[in-house]
Amino acid sequence: MKKFFMILAATALMAFTANIASAQDAATPEQAATEEVAQAPANDLAALTAGAPEVPLTQALKTKFIEGGAGFMSLIIICLVIGLALSIERILYLSFSKTNTKKLIAEVEKALEEGGIEKAKEVCRNTRGPVASIYYQGLLHYDQGIDVVEKNIVSYGSVQNSELESGLSWISLFIAIAPSLGFLGTVIGMIQAFDAIQAAGDISPNVVAGGMKVALITTVAGLIVAMILQVFYNYILAKIESITIDMEDSTISLVDVLTKYGQKK
């Protein structure tokens, strides 16, 4: 499933890059219009703004992408695409890992009464999710005693918990990298703006404002990407916590059921 989402992310990135390339020709007239507005007198600014045609959102985003610099903006978009792919993969995995623990423990208890340990193991094999896997490991070592069952449940529970958290380190990495790339682009943009001022020989408002705007676009993009991925990251953590609590509660129930089963034998 991870390979599928990585391929999907690469496809989306290539499609986005193609759209950006087609928008580069359209960006030049818009930039010229922006310069005309900046040079116009203050009393004509409202009239120029009112007469300007509405720009579609997608076209505006493409223009801002080009203004921010294709290099850093592409890296930030890559962080977003890969981070979203990993987040969606984790959400789907955790959704499939969710188990009705009350129903499972009832089925295991019924299977123990009707067919013993082997039938209970069959129930666990036919049930998906980490809870059923932990149950199966516990039942597999039942003949060695309840103490051994508890130790195996705890050990295998840690393994299952690690599998639930797989990939989270990469998502947190992209959350940290995206704003860092934005800040780095801003610093480089400011340096370029000061170089332009030095080359012009005077501090022109047009040169300063244009350079600072381009520099700050990368920061805005990086922060937006980090906030989007942070929302997904916290949602995933909440789902993992919910599944972990279910695992802990259900394993206690399994030990109680096996203890009762041993006393009846």
C-alpha atoms as a PDB file:
ATOM      1  CA  MET A   1       0.000   0.000   0.000  1.00  0.00           C
ATOM      2  CA  LYS A   2       2.905   2.361   0.733  1.00  0.00           C
ATOM      3  CA  LYS A   3       4.286   1.845  -2.784  1.00  0.00           C
ATOM      4  CA  PHE A   4       0.878   2.654  -4.252  1.00  0.00           C
ATOM      5  CA  PHE A   5       0.663   5.961  -2.378  1.00  0.00           C
ATOM      6  CA  MET A   6       4.231   6.900  -3.274  1.00  0.00           C
ATOM      7  CA  ILE A   7       3.453   6.317  -6.971  1.00  0.00           C
ATOM      8  CA  LEU A   8       0.269   8.363  -6.571  1.00  0.00           C
ATOM      9  CA  ALA A   9       2.241  11.173  -4.935  1.00  0.00           C
ATOM     10  CA  ALA A  10       4.804  11.178  -7.763  1.00  0.00           C
ATOM     11  CA  THR A  11       2.020  11.336 -10.357  1.00  0.00           C
ATOM     12  CA  ALA A  12       0.353  14.253  -8.591  1.00  0.00           C
ATOM     13  CA  LEU A  13       3.684  16.070  -8.360  1.00  0.00           C
ATOM     14  CA  MET A  14       4.373  15.654 -12.095  1.00  0.00           C
ATOM     15  CA  ALA A  15       0.874  16.899 -12.954  1.00  0.00           C
ATOM     16  CA  PHE A  16       1.358  19.933 -10.725  1.00  0.00           C
ATOM     17  CA  THR A  17       4.754  20.689 -12.320  1.00  0.00           C
ATOM     18  CA  ALA A  18       3.224  20.526 -15.800  1.00  0.00           C
ATOM     19  CA  ASN A  19       0.538  23.007 -14.774  1.00  0.00           C
ATOM     20  CA  ILE A  20       3.185  25.346 -13.368  1.00  0.00           C
ATOM     21  CA  ALA A  21       5.172  25.207 -16.607  1.00  0.00           C
ATOM     22  CA  SER A  22       2.079  26.128 -18.628  1.00  0.00           C
ATOM     23  CA  ALA A  23       1.408  29.063 -16.317  1.00  0.00           C
ATOM     24  CA  GLN A  24       4.815  30.694 -16.706  1.00  0.00           C
ATOM     25  CA  ASP A  25       3.860  32.493 -19.904  1.00  0.00           C
ATOM     26  CA  ALA A  26       0.726  33.857 -18.263  1.00  0.00           C
ATOM     27  CA  ALA A  27       2.653  35.117 -15.252  1.00  0.00           C
ATOM     28  CA  THR A  28       4.619  37.765 -17.197  1.00  0.00           C
ATOM     29  CA  PRO A  29       1.646  39.993 -18.147  1.00  0.00           C
ATOM     30  CA  GLU A  30       0.314  39.762 -14.603  1.00  0.00           C
ATOM     31  CA  GLN A  31       3.650  40.867 -13.184  1.00  0.00           C
ATOM     32  CA  ALA A  32       3.705  43.778 -15.627  1.00  0.00           C
ATOM     33  CA  ALA A  33       0.215  44.762 -14.542  1.00  0.00           C
ATOM     34  CA  THR A  34       1.357  44.631 -10.911  1.00  0.00           C
ATOM     35  CA  GLU A  35       4.233  47.005 -11.674  1.00  0.00           C
ATOM     36  CA  GLU A  36       1.854  49.421 -13.390  1.00  0.00           C
ATOM     37  CA  VAL A  37      -0.394  49.422 -10.329  1.00  0.00           C
ATOM     38  CA  ALA A  38       2.574  50.058  -8.038  1.00  0.00           C
ATOM     39  CA  GLN A  39       3.695  53.045 -10.161  1.00  0.00           C
ATOM     40  CA  ALA A  40       0.247  54.574 -10.430  1.00  0.00           C
ATOM     41  CA  PRO A  41      -0.746  57.478  -8.172  1.00  0.00           C
ATOM     42  CA  ALA A  42      -2.587  56.689  -4.969  1.00  0.00           C
ATOM     43  CA  ASN A  43      -5.857  58.283  -6.138  1.00  0.00           C
ATOM     44  CA  ASP A  44      -5.956  55.996  -9.227  1.00  0.00           C
ATOM     45  CA  LEU A  45      -5.229  52.766  -7.296  1.00  0.00           C
ATOM     46  CA  ALA A  46      -8.872  52.029  -6.497  1.00  0.00           C
ATOM     47  CA  ALA A  47      -9.894  52.563 -10.110  1.00  0.00           C
ATOM     48  CA  LEU A  48      -7.166  50.260 -11.417  1.00  0.00           C
ATOM     49  CA  THR A  49      -8.114  47.557  -8.886  1.00  0.00           C
ATOM     50  CA  ALA A  50     -11.795  47.780  -9.742  1.00  0.00           C
ATOM     51  CA  GLY A  51     -11.083  47.477 -13.468  1.00  0.00           C
ATOM     52  CA  ALA A  52      -8.772  44.471 -13.124  1.00  0.00           C
ATOM     53  CA  PRO A  53     -10.261  41.126 -14.207  1.00  0.00           C
ATOM     54  CA  GLU A  54     -10.814  38.407 -11.622  1.00  0.00           C
ATOM     55  CA  VAL A  55      -8.015  35.833 -11.562  1.00  0.00           C
ATOM     56  CA  PRO A  56      -9.037  32.185 -10.926  1.00  0.00           C
ATOM     57  CA  LEU A  57      -7.704  30.673  -7.716  1.00  0.00           C
ATOM     58  CA  THR A  58      -5.640  28.045  -9.519  1.00  0.00           C
ATOM     59  CA  GLN A  59      -4.045  30.695 -11.737  1.00  0.00           C
ATOM     60  CA  ALA A  60      -3.293  32.877  -8.710  1.00  0.00           C
ATOM     61  CA  LEU A  61      -1.649  29.946  -6.915  1.00  0.00           C
ATOM     62  CA  LYS A  62       0.474  29.172  -9.971  1.00  0.00           C
ATOM     63  CA  THR A  63       1.546  32.811 -10.198  1.00  0.00           C
ATOM     64  CA  LYS A  64       2.526  32.896  -6.518  1.00  0.00           C
ATOM     65  CA  PHE A  65       4.416  29.640  -7.022  1.00  0.00           C
ATOM     66  CA  ILE A  66       6.473  31.194  -9.812  1.00  0.00           C
ATOM     67  CA  GLU A  67       7.000  34.432  -7.897  1.00  0.00           C
ATOM     68  CA  GLY A  68       8.264  32.492  -4.862  1.00  0.00           C
ATOM     69  CA  GLY A  69      10.930  30.775  -6.929  1.00  0.00           C
ATOM     70  CA  ALA A  70      10.508  27.382  -8.581  1.00  0.00           C
ATOM     71  CA  GLY A  71      13.401  25.839  -6.639  1.00  0.00           C
ATOM     72  CA  PHE A  72      12.262  26.307  -3.060  1.00  0.00           C
ATOM     73  CA  MET A  73       8.549  26.198  -3.860  1.00  0.00           C
ATOM     74  CA  SER A  74       9.016  22.842  -5.633  1.00  0.00           C
ATOM     75  CA  LEU A  75      10.758  21.413  -2.560  1.00  0.00           C
ATOM     76  CA  ILE A  76       7.931  22.641  -0.333  1.00  0.00           C
ATOM     77  CA  ILE A  77       5.315  21.097  -2.657  1.00  0.00           C
ATOM     78  CA  ILE A  78       7.258  17.817  -2.601  1.00  0.00           C
ATOM     79  CA  CYS A  79       7.114  17.867   1.214  1.00  0.00           C
ATOM     80  CA  LEU A  80       3.337  18.409   1.030  1.00  0.00           C
ATOM     81  CA  VAL A  81       2.678  15.668  -1.533  1.00  0.00           C
ATOM     82  CA  ILE A  82       4.833  13.001   0.146  1.00  0.00           C
ATOM     83  CA  GLY A  83       3.605  13.984   3.616  1.00  0.00           C
ATOM     84  CA  LEU A  84      -0.034  13.733   2.522  1.00  0.00           C
ATOM     85  CA  ALA A  85       0.617  10.365   0.854  1.00  0.00           C
ATOM     86  CA  LEU A  86       2.157   8.984   4.042  1.00  0.00           C
ATOM     87  CA  SER A  87      -0.641  10.458   6.168  1.00  0.00           C
ATOM     88  CA  ILE A  88      -3.409   8.958   4.017  1.00  0.00           C
ATOM     89  CA  GLU A  89      -1.641   5.579   4.039  1.00  0.00           C
ATOM     90  CA  ARG A  90      -1.451   5.656   7.864  1.00  0.00           C
ATOM     91  CA  ILE A  91      -5.089   6.699   8.209  1.00  0.00           C
ATOM     92  CA  LEU A  92      -6.249   3.841   5.974  1.00  0.00           C
ATOM     93  CA  TYR A  93      -4.007   1.358   7.788  1.00  0.00           C
ATOM     94  CA  LEU A  94      -5.301   2.451  11.187  1.00  0.00           C
ATOM     95  CA  SER A  95      -8.900   2.339   9.973  1.00  0.00           C
ATOM     96  CA  PHE A  96      -8.434  -1.271   8.865  1.00  0.00           C
ATOM     97  CA  SER A  97      -6.685  -2.051  12.172  1.00  0.00           C
ATOM     98  CA  LYS A  98      -9.701  -1.010  14.233  1.00  0.00           C
ATOM     99  CA  THR A  99     -11.414  -4.037  15.794  1.00  0.00           C
ATOM    100  CA  ASN A 100     -14.644  -4.499  17.727  1.00  0.00           C
ATOM    101  CA  THR A 101     -12.885  -5.851  20.804  1.00  0.00           C
ATOM    102  CA  LYS A 102     -16.069  -6.668  22.728  1.00  0.00           C
ATOM    103  CA  LYS A 103     -17.347  -8.791  19.860  1.00  0.00           C
ATOM    104  CA  LEU A 104     -13.956 -10.481  19.452  1.00  0.00           C
ATOM    105  CA  ILE A 105     -13.585 -11.421  23.112  1.00  0.00           C
ATOM    106  CA  ALA A 106     -17.139 -12.801  23.094  1.00  0.00           C
ATOM    107  CA  GLU A 107     -16.345 -14.930  20.028  1.00  0.00           C
ATOM    108  CA  VAL A 108     -13.099 -16.174  21.588  1.00  0.00           C
ATOM    109  CA  GLU A 109     -14.875 -17.071  24.816  1.00  0.00           C
ATOM    110  CA  LYS A 110     -17.575 -18.924  22.896  1.00  0.00           C
ATOM    111  CA  ALA A 111     -14.965 -20.740  20.817  1.00  0.00           C
ATOM    112  CA  LEU A 112     -13.131 -21.845  23.957  1.00  0.00           C
ATOM    113  CA  GLU A 113     -16.314 -23.347  25.327  1.00  0.00           C
ATOM    114  CA  GLU A 114     -17.201 -25.120  22.087  1.00  0.00           C
ATOM    115  CA  GLY A 115     -13.860 -26.242  20.644  1.00  0.00           C
ATOM    116  CA  GLY A 116     -11.082 -25.248  23.012  1.00  0.00           C
ATOM    117  CA  ILE A 117      -7.861 -23.390  22.233  1.00  0.00           C
ATOM    118  CA  GLU A 118      -7.614 -24.493  18.600  1.00  0.00           C
ATOM    119  CA  LYS A 119     -11.020 -23.099  17.699  1.00  0.00           C
ATOM    120  CA  ALA A 120     -10.237 -19.852  19.533  1.00  0.00           C
ATOM    121  CA  LYS A 121      -7.010 -19.537  17.514  1.00  0.00           C
ATOM    122  CA  GLU A 122      -8.995 -20.045  14.331  1.00  0.00           C
ATOM    123  CA  VAL A 123     -11.286 -17.170  15.301  1.00  0.00           C
ATOM    124  CA  CYS A 124      -8.251 -14.926  15.815  1.00  0.00           C
ATOM    125  CA  ARG A 125      -6.707 -15.983  12.498  1.00  0.00           C
ATOM    126  CA  ASN A 126      -9.894 -15.016  10.672  1.00  0.00           C
ATOM    127  CA  THR A 127     -10.054 -11.571  12.337  1.00  0.00           C
ATOM    128  CA  ARG A 128      -7.904  -8.689  11.111  1.00  0.00           C
ATOM    129  CA  GLY A 129      -6.259  -6.112  13.316  1.00  0.00           C
ATOM    130  CA  PRO A 130      -3.527  -5.961  15.976  1.00  0.00           C
ATOM    131  CA  VAL A 131      -5.860  -7.081  18.791  1.00  0.00           C
ATOM    132  CA  ALA A 132      -6.610 -10.388  17.047  1.00  0.00           C
ATOM    133  CA  SER A 133      -2.871 -10.905  16.414  1.00  0.00           C
ATOM    134  CA  ILE A 134      -2.108 -10.355  20.096  1.00  0.00           C
ATOM    135  CA  TYR A 135      -4.869 -12.778  21.050  1.00  0.00           C
ATOM    136  CA  TYR A 136      -3.428 -15.388  18.707  1.00  0.00           C
ATOM    137  CA  GLN A 137       0.037 -15.050  20.244  1.00  0.00           C
ATOM    138  CA  GLY A 138      -1.421 -15.442  23.709  1.00  0.00           C
ATOM    139  CA  LEU A 139      -3.427 -18.542  22.753  1.00  0.00           C
ATOM    140  CA  LEU A 140      -0.382 -19.988  20.995  1.00  0.00           C
ATOM    141  CA  HIS A 141       1.489 -20.152  24.329  1.00  0.00           C
ATOM    142  CA  TYR A 142      -1.462 -21.153  26.525  1.00  0.00           C
ATOM    143  CA  ASP A 143      -0.031 -24.607  27.242  1.00  0.00           C
ATOM    144  CA  GLN A 144       3.006 -22.935  28.906  1.00  0.00           C
ATOM    145  CA  GLY A 145       0.909 -21.220  31.564  1.00  0.00           C
ATOM    146  CA  ILE A 146      -0.868 -17.925  32.153  1.00  0.00           C
ATOM    147  CA  ASP A 147       2.354 -16.149  33.164  1.00  0.00           C
ATOM    148  CA  VAL A 148       3.962 -16.970  29.830  1.00  0.00           C
ATOM    149  CA  VAL A 149       0.780 -15.879  28.047  1.00  0.00           C
ATOM    150  CA  GLU A 150       0.913 -12.478  29.781  1.00  0.00           C
ATOM    151  CA  LYS A 151       4.591 -11.977  28.889  1.00  0.00           C
ATOM    152  CA  ASN A 152       3.966 -12.839  25.233  1.00  0.00           C
ATOM    153  CA  ILE A 153       0.948 -10.537  25.111  1.00  0.00           C
ATOM    154  CA  VAL A 154       3.009  -7.625  26.470  1.00  0.00           C
ATOM    155  CA  SER A 155       5.939  -8.300  24.118  1.00  0.00           C
ATOM    156  CA  TYR A 156       3.795  -8.719  21.014  1.00  0.00           C
ATOM    157  CA  GLY A 157       1.712  -5.696  22.007  1.00  0.00           C
ATOM    158  CA  SER A 158       4.871  -3.570  21.806  1.00  0.00           C
ATOM    159  CA  VAL A 159       5.550  -4.961  18.326  1.00  0.00           C
ATOM    160  CA  GLN A 160       2.029  -4.134  17.166  1.00  0.00           C
ATOM    161  CA  ASN A 161       2.273  -0.647  18.647  1.00  0.00           C
ATOM    162  CA  SER A 162       5.499  -0.048  16.706  1.00  0.00           C
ATOM    163  CA  GLU A 163       3.759  -1.108  13.500  1.00  0.00           C
ATOM    164  CA  LEU A 164       0.949   1.355  14.196  1.00  0.00           C
ATOM    165  CA  GLU A 165       3.490   4.177  14.561  1.00  0.00           C
ATOM    166  CA  SER A 166       5.420   3.206  11.433  1.00  0.00           C
ATOM    167  CA  GLY A 167       5.989   6.174   9.116  1.00  0.00           C
ATOM    168  CA  LEU A 168       5.186   8.867  11.691  1.00  0.00           C
ATOM    169  CA  SER A 169       8.837   9.904  11.903  1.00  0.00           C
ATOM    170  CA  TRP A 170       8.783  10.746   8.178  1.00  0.00           C
ATOM    171  CA  ILE A 171       5.618  12.833   8.547  1.00  0.00           C
ATOM    172  CA  SER A 172       7.153  14.770  11.454  1.00  0.00           C
ATOM    173  CA  LEU A 173      10.287  15.251   9.342  1.00  0.00           C
ATOM    174  CA  PHE A 174       8.303  16.920   6.540  1.00  0.00           C
ATOM    175  CA  ILE A 175       6.468  19.054   9.132  1.00  0.00           C
ATOM    176  CA  ALA A 176       9.839  20.367  10.292  1.00  0.00           C
ATOM    177  CA  ILE A 177      11.459  20.663   6.848  1.00  0.00           C
ATOM    178  CA  ALA A 178       8.648  22.586   5.082  1.00  0.00           C
ATOM    179  CA  PRO A 179       8.833  25.808   7.185  1.00  0.00           C
ATOM    180  CA  SER A 180      12.631  25.523   7.310  1.00  0.00           C
ATOM    181  CA  LEU A 181      12.748  25.524   3.518  1.00  0.00           C
ATOM    182  CA  GLY A 182      10.376  28.509   3.535  1.00  0.00           C
ATOM    183  CA  PHE A 183      12.603  30.452   5.920  1.00  0.00           C
ATOM    184  CA  LEU A 184      15.680  29.551   3.892  1.00  0.00           C
ATOM    185  CA  GLY A 185      13.976  30.783   0.720  1.00  0.00           C
ATOM    186  CA  THR A 186      13.045  33.999   2.525  1.00  0.00           C
ATOM    187  CA  VAL A 187      16.621  34.621   3.642  1.00  0.00           C
ATOM    188  CA  ILE A 188      17.967  33.993   0.132  1.00  0.00           C
ATOM    189  CA  GLY A 189      15.220  36.216  -1.321  1.00  0.00           C
ATOM    190  CA  MET A 190      16.180  39.030   1.064  1.00  0.00           C
ATOM    191  CA  ILE A 191      19.809  38.686   0.038  1.00  0.00           C
ATOM    192  CA  GLN A 192      18.778  38.937  -3.612  1.00  0.00           C
ATOM    193  CA  ALA A 193      16.635  41.987  -2.813  1.00  0.00           C
ATOM    194  CA  PHE A 194      19.593  43.754  -1.177  1.00  0.00           C
ATOM    195  CA  ASP A 195      21.764  42.812  -4.146  1.00  0.00           C
ATOM    196  CA  ALA A 196      19.167  44.442  -6.434  1.00  0.00           C
ATOM    197  CA  ILE A 197      19.170  47.574  -4.250  1.00  0.00           C
ATOM    198  CA  GLN A 198      22.956  47.693  -4.401  1.00  0.00           C
ATOM    199  CA  ALA A 199      22.928  47.283  -8.177  1.00  0.00           C
ATOM    200  CA  ALA A 200      20.278  50.001  -8.590  1.00  0.00           C
ATOM    201  CA  GLY A 201      22.281  52.435  -6.451  1.00  0.00           C
ATOM    202  CA  ASP A 202      19.250  53.680  -4.472  1.00  0.00           C
ATOM    203  CA  ILE A 203      16.558  52.304  -2.168  1.00  0.00           C
ATOM    204  CA  SER A 204      13.579  52.233  -4.511  1.00  0.00           C
ATOM    205  CA  PRO A 205      10.245  51.236  -2.912  1.00  0.00           C
ATOM    206  CA  ASN A 206       9.430  49.091  -5.939  1.00  0.00           C
ATOM    207  CA  VAL A 207      12.690  47.151  -5.653  1.00  0.00           C
ATOM    208  CA  VAL A 208      12.369  46.664  -1.868  1.00  0.00           C
ATOM    209  CA  ALA A 209       8.669  45.730  -1.906  1.00  0.00           C
ATOM    210  CA  GLY A 210       9.037  43.355  -4.856  1.00  0.00           C
ATOM    211  CA  GLY A 211      12.022  41.566  -3.349  1.00  0.00           C
ATOM    212  CA  MET A 212      10.445  41.223   0.100  1.00  0.00           C
ATOM    213  CA  LYS A 213       7.162  39.938  -1.374  1.00  0.00           C
ATOM    214  CA  VAL A 214       8.929  37.210  -3.308  1.00  0.00           C
ATOM    215  CA  ALA A 215      10.989  36.308  -0.222  1.00  0.00           C
ATOM    216  CA  LEU A 216       7.987  36.045   2.098  1.00  0.00           C
ATOM    217  CA  ILE A 217       5.933  33.859  -0.286  1.00  0.00           C
ATOM    218  CA  THR A 218       8.203  30.887   0.496  1.00  0.00           C
ATOM    219  CA  THR A 219       7.688  31.382   4.234  1.00  0.00           C
ATOM    220  CA  VAL A 220       3.910  31.478   3.838  1.00  0.00           C
ATOM    221  CA  ALA A 221       3.964  28.327   1.686  1.00  0.00           C
ATOM    222  CA  GLY A 222       6.188  26.462   4.151  1.00  0.00           C
ATOM    223  CA  LEU A 223       4.005  27.376   7.135  1.00  0.00           C
ATOM    224  CA  ILE A 224       0.801  26.366   5.326  1.00  0.00           C
ATOM    225  CA  VAL A 225       2.277  22.972   4.398  1.00  0.00           C
ATOM    226  CA  ALA A 226       3.478  22.420   7.981  1.00  0.00           C
ATOM    227  CA  MET A 227       0.037  23.288   9.417  1.00  0.00           C
ATOM    228  CA  ILE A 228      -1.754  20.928   7.005  1.00  0.00           C
ATOM    229  CA  LEU A 229       0.566  18.034   7.817  1.00  0.00           C
ATOM    230  CA  GLN A 230       0.388  18.803  11.547  1.00  0.00           C
ATOM    231  CA  VAL A 231      -3.396  18.381  11.500  1.00  0.00           C
ATOM    232  CA  PHE A 232      -3.041  14.959   9.853  1.00  0.00           C
ATOM    233  CA  TYR A 233      -0.226  14.019  12.248  1.00  0.00           C
ATOM    234  CA  ASN A 234      -2.293  14.814  15.342  1.00  0.00           C
ATOM    235  CA  TYR A 235      -5.304  12.949  13.922  1.00  0.00           C
ATOM    236  CA  ILE A 236      -3.120   9.873  13.338  1.00  0.00           C
ATOM    237  CA  LEU A 237      -1.739  10.086  16.878  1.00  0.00           C
ATOM    238  CA  ALA A 238      -5.283  10.220  18.254  1.00  0.00           C
ATOM    239  CA  LYS A 239      -6.265   7.098  16.284  1.00  0.00           C
ATOM    240  CA  ILE A 240      -3.140   5.247  17.477  1.00  0.00           C
ATOM    241  CA  GLU A 241      -3.907   6.191  21.076  1.00  0.00           C
ATOM    242  CA  SER A 242      -7.470   4.911  20.707  1.00  0.00           C
ATOM    243  CA  ILE A 243      -6.312   1.580  19.242  1.00  0.00           C
ATOM    244  CA  THR A 244      -3.619   1.223  21.930  1.00  0.00           C
ATOM    245  CA  ILE A 245      -6.177   1.714  24.715  1.00  0.00           C
ATOM    246  CA  ASP A 246      -8.399  -0.932  23.091  1.00  0.00           C
ATOM    247  CA  MET A 247      -5.446  -3.332  22.906  1.00  0.00           C
ATOM    248  CA  GLU A 248      -4.590  -2.874  26.581  1.00  0.00           C
ATOM    249  CA  ASP A 249      -8.178  -3.301  27.768  1.00  0.00           C
ATOM    250  CA  SER A 250      -8.849  -6.315  25.559  1.00  0.00           C
ATOM    251  CA  THR A 251      -5.658  -8.148  26.580  1.00  0.00           C
ATOM    252  CA  ILE A 252      -6.704  -7.889  30.222  1.00  0.00           C
ATOM    253  CA  SER A 253     -10.047  -9.402  29.241  1.00  0.00           C
ATOM    254  CA  LEU A 254      -8.278 -12.222  27.379  1.00  0.00           C
ATOM    255  CA  VAL A 255      -6.192 -13.128  30.431  1.00  0.00           C
ATOM    256  CA  ASP A 256      -9.364 -13.239  32.553  1.00  0.00           C
ATOM    257  CA  VAL A 257     -11.106 -15.464  29.990  1.00  0.00           C
ATOM    258  CA  LEU A 258      -8.135 -17.850  29.804  1.00  0.00           C
ATOM    259  CA  THR A 259      -7.925 -18.003  33.605  1.00  0.00           C
ATOM    260  CA  LYS A 260     -11.588 -18.958  33.832  1.00  0.00           C
ATOM    261  CA  TYR A 261     -11.129 -21.515  31.045  1.00  0.00           C
ATOM    262  CA  GLY A 262      -8.200 -23.099  32.909  1.00  0.00           C
ATOM    263  CA  GLN A 263     -10.221 -23.358  36.116  1.00  0.00           C
ATOM    264  CA  LYS A 264     -13.071 -25.126  34.301  1.00  0.00           C
ATOM    265  CA  LYS A 265     -10.752 -27.786  32.839  1.00  0.00           C
END
